Amino acid sequence: MIKATITGYLGGDAQIKTIGGREYVPLSIATNGREKDEAGQWQDVTQWIEVLWGNTSSGLVQYLKRGTAILAHGTLRASVYIDKNGYPRIGMTIWADYVELSQGNKKTEE
């Protein structure tokens, strides 16, 4: 089991969904960084991590809006999928033990 902590910004408002008969709050978290491309030039990159959080009774859910900075901690799972262009990709999902608001909230345009 691999434990992971991620900080980033929500890509959309939180909504409670039922998956396999159990309620979860699925979240998409964007993290930003820099990496070198094939030409050796630094590029800004955004990585999206999916988070599934099972604490639907938390009062925090109402505050999880698009652009909100959050921290999520839980078990990391990887899966392979084929993207829309037919290329294999690896998806990362964190099954969160806890989610909390983080510092650095930014304003987003609706």
C-alpha atoms as a PDB file:
ATOM      1  CA  MET A   1       0.000   0.000   0.000  1.00  0.00           C
ATOM      2  CA  ILE A   2       1.348   3.389  -1.018  1.00  0.00           C
ATOM      3  CA  LYS A   3       0.254   6.445   0.997  1.00  0.00           C
ATOM      4  CA  ALA A   4       0.335   9.825  -0.706  1.00  0.00           C
ATOM      5  CA  THR A   5      -0.410  13.450   0.088  1.00  0.00           C
ATOM      6  CA  ILE A   6      -1.324  15.900  -2.640  1.00  0.00           C
ATOM      7  CA  THR A   7      -1.985  19.622  -2.662  1.00  0.00           C
ATOM      8  CA  GLY A   8      -3.566  21.412  -5.567  1.00  0.00           C
ATOM      9  CA  TYR A   9      -6.635  23.184  -6.877  1.00  0.00           C
ATOM     10  CA  LEU A  10     -10.060  21.681  -7.520  1.00  0.00           C
ATOM     11  CA  GLY A  11     -11.100  21.459 -11.153  1.00  0.00           C
ATOM     12  CA  GLY A  12     -14.814  21.557 -10.308  1.00  0.00           C
ATOM     13  CA  ASP A  13     -17.330  21.798  -7.487  1.00  0.00           C
ATOM     14  CA  ALA A  14     -17.626  18.735  -5.240  1.00  0.00           C
ATOM     15  CA  GLN A  15     -20.695  16.541  -5.713  1.00  0.00           C
ATOM     16  CA  ILE A  16     -21.676  13.408  -3.833  1.00  0.00           C
ATOM     17  CA  LYS A  17     -21.965  10.344  -6.105  1.00  0.00           C
ATOM     18  CA  THR A  18     -22.863   6.726  -5.491  1.00  0.00           C
ATOM     19  CA  ILE A  19     -20.246   4.192  -6.641  1.00  0.00           C
ATOM     20  CA  GLY A  20     -20.879   0.502  -6.043  1.00  0.00           C
ATOM     21  CA  GLY A  21     -23.669   1.261  -3.571  1.00  0.00           C
ATOM     22  CA  ARG A  22     -21.494   3.578  -1.457  1.00  0.00           C
ATOM     23  CA  GLU A  23     -21.402   7.376  -1.448  1.00  0.00           C
ATOM     24  CA  TYR A  24     -18.173   9.158  -2.397  1.00  0.00           C
ATOM     25  CA  VAL A  25     -17.041  12.644  -3.239  1.00  0.00           C
ATOM     26  CA  PRO A  26     -14.968  12.408  -6.454  1.00  0.00           C
ATOM     27  CA  LEU A  27     -12.559  15.328  -6.868  1.00  0.00           C
ATOM     28  CA  SER A  28     -10.174  16.317  -9.672  1.00  0.00           C
ATOM     29  CA  ILE A  29      -7.108  18.099  -8.344  1.00  0.00           C
ATOM     30  CA  ALA A  30      -4.718  20.059 -10.572  1.00  0.00           C
ATOM     31  CA  THR A  31      -1.087  20.324  -9.565  1.00  0.00           C
ATOM     32  CA  ASN A  32       1.325  22.610 -11.378  1.00  0.00           C
ATOM     33  CA  GLY A  33       5.039  22.248 -11.927  1.00  0.00           C
ATOM     34  CA  ARG A  34       7.844  22.584 -14.440  1.00  0.00           C
ATOM     35  CA  GLU A  35       9.707  19.942 -16.417  1.00  0.00           C
ATOM     36  CA  LYS A  36      12.060  19.840 -19.382  1.00  0.00           C
ATOM     37  CA  ASP A  37      10.765  18.890 -22.815  1.00  0.00           C
ATOM     38  CA  GLU A  38      12.685  16.921 -25.490  1.00  0.00           C
ATOM     39  CA  ALA A  39      14.549  20.091 -26.519  1.00  0.00           C
ATOM     40  CA  GLY A  40      15.694  20.727 -22.949  1.00  0.00           C
ATOM     41  CA  GLN A  41      13.419  23.739 -22.493  1.00  0.00           C
ATOM     42  CA  TRP A  42      11.470  24.197 -19.274  1.00  0.00           C
ATOM     43  CA  GLN A  43       7.715  23.943 -19.700  1.00  0.00           C
ATOM     44  CA  ASP A  44       4.877  24.565 -17.268  1.00  0.00           C
ATOM     45  CA  VAL A  45       2.856  21.375 -16.832  1.00  0.00           C
ATOM     46  CA  THR A  46      -0.413  20.623 -15.100  1.00  0.00           C
ATOM     47  CA  GLN A  47      -1.061  17.137 -13.764  1.00  0.00           C
ATOM     48  CA  TRP A  48      -4.559  16.009 -12.822  1.00  0.00           C
ATOM     49  CA  ILE A  49      -5.048  13.568  -9.971  1.00  0.00           C
ATOM     50  CA  GLU A  50      -8.396  11.986  -9.203  1.00  0.00           C
ATOM     51  CA  VAL A  51      -9.376  11.743  -5.533  1.00  0.00           C
ATOM     52  CA  LEU A  52     -12.214   9.625  -4.121  1.00  0.00           C
ATOM     53  CA  TRP A  53     -13.241  10.644  -0.618  1.00  0.00           C
ATOM     54  CA  GLY A  54     -15.761   8.639   1.377  1.00  0.00           C
ATOM     55  CA  ASN A  55     -16.624  11.182   4.082  1.00  0.00           C
ATOM     56  CA  THR A  56     -19.843  12.493   2.519  1.00  0.00           C
ATOM     57  CA  SER A  57     -21.227  13.576   5.894  1.00  0.00           C
ATOM     58  CA  SER A  58     -18.429  16.110   6.381  1.00  0.00           C
ATOM     59  CA  GLY A  59     -19.513  19.740   6.465  1.00  0.00           C
ATOM     60  CA  LEU A  60     -16.435  20.469   4.344  1.00  0.00           C
ATOM     61  CA  VAL A  61     -18.111  19.219   1.139  1.00  0.00           C
ATOM     62  CA  GLN A  62     -20.089  22.462   0.746  1.00  0.00           C
ATOM     63  CA  TYR A  63     -16.827  24.477   0.660  1.00  0.00           C
ATOM     64  CA  LEU A  64     -15.135  22.360  -2.014  1.00  0.00           C
ATOM     65  CA  LYS A  65     -15.655  24.634  -5.010  1.00  0.00           C
ATOM     66  CA  ARG A  66     -13.762  24.984  -8.294  1.00  0.00           C
ATOM     67  CA  GLY A  67     -10.403  26.705  -7.742  1.00  0.00           C
ATOM     68  CA  THR A  68     -10.250  25.934  -4.011  1.00  0.00           C
ATOM     69  CA  ALA A  69      -6.824  24.849  -2.765  1.00  0.00           C
ATOM     70  CA  ILE A  70      -7.002  21.539  -0.908  1.00  0.00           C
ATOM     71  CA  LEU A  71      -4.802  18.876   0.599  1.00  0.00           C
ATOM     72  CA  ALA A  72      -5.763  15.189   0.307  1.00  0.00           C
ATOM     73  CA  HIS A  73      -4.069  12.215   1.965  1.00  0.00           C
ATOM     74  CA  GLY A  74      -4.754   8.549   1.340  1.00  0.00           C
ATOM     75  CA  THR A  75      -3.883   5.398  -0.576  1.00  0.00           C
ATOM     76  CA  LEU A  76      -2.482   5.888  -4.077  1.00  0.00           C
ATOM     77  CA  ARG A  77      -3.605   3.567  -6.872  1.00  0.00           C
ATOM     78  CA  ALA A  78      -2.469   3.597 -10.481  1.00  0.00           C
ATOM     79  CA  SER A  79      -4.427   2.305 -13.466  1.00  0.00           C
ATOM     80  CA  VAL A  80      -3.702   2.059 -17.177  1.00  0.00           C
ATOM     81  CA  TYR A  81      -6.189   3.390 -19.729  1.00  0.00           C
ATOM     82  CA  ILE A  82      -6.313   4.332 -23.416  1.00  0.00           C
ATOM     83  CA  ASP A  83      -6.745   8.064 -24.093  1.00  0.00           C
ATOM     84  CA  LYS A  84      -8.980   9.585 -26.782  1.00  0.00           C
ATOM     85  CA  ASN A  85      -6.106   9.410 -29.306  1.00  0.00           C
ATOM     86  CA  GLY A  86      -5.528   5.696 -28.682  1.00  0.00           C
ATOM     87  CA  TYR A  87      -2.375   6.056 -26.558  1.00  0.00           C
ATOM     88  CA  PRO A  88      -1.901   4.141 -23.307  1.00  0.00           C
ATOM     89  CA  ARG A  89      -1.790   6.384 -20.229  1.00  0.00           C
ATOM     90  CA  ILE A  90      -1.451   5.906 -16.504  1.00  0.00           C
ATOM     91  CA  GLY A  91      -4.096   7.422 -14.247  1.00  0.00           C
ATOM     92  CA  MET A  92      -3.538   8.147 -10.574  1.00  0.00           C
ATOM     93  CA  THR A  93      -6.310   7.952  -7.995  1.00  0.00           C
ATOM     94  CA  ILE A  94      -6.029   8.697  -4.300  1.00  0.00           C
ATOM     95  CA  TRP A  95      -8.596   6.967  -2.080  1.00  0.00           C
ATOM     96  CA  ALA A  96      -8.563   9.726   0.517  1.00  0.00           C
ATOM     97  CA  ASP A  97      -8.523   9.151   4.261  1.00  0.00           C
ATOM     98  CA  TYR A  98      -8.949  12.883   4.755  1.00  0.00           C
ATOM     99  CA  VAL A  99      -9.311  16.104   2.796  1.00  0.00           C
ATOM    100  CA  GLU A 100      -8.725  19.591   4.150  1.00  0.00           C
ATOM    101  CA  LEU A 101      -8.658  23.151   2.871  1.00  0.00           C
ATOM    102  CA  SER A 102      -5.174  24.367   2.088  1.00  0.00           C
ATOM    103  CA  GLN A 103      -3.686  27.839   2.024  1.00  0.00           C
ATOM    104  CA  GLY A 104      -3.369  29.740  -1.214  1.00  0.00           C
ATOM    105  CA  ASN A 105      -6.928  29.759  -2.529  1.00  0.00           C
ATOM    106  CA  LYS A 106      -7.171  31.523  -5.844  1.00  0.00           C
ATOM    107  CA  LYS A 107     -10.137  33.251  -7.413  1.00  0.00           C
ATOM    108  CA  THR A 108     -11.587  31.673 -10.540  1.00  0.00           C
ATOM    109  CA  GLU A 109     -13.840  33.175 -13.157  1.00  0.00           C
ATOM    110  CA  GLU A 110     -17.212  31.500 -13.546  1.00  0.00           C
END
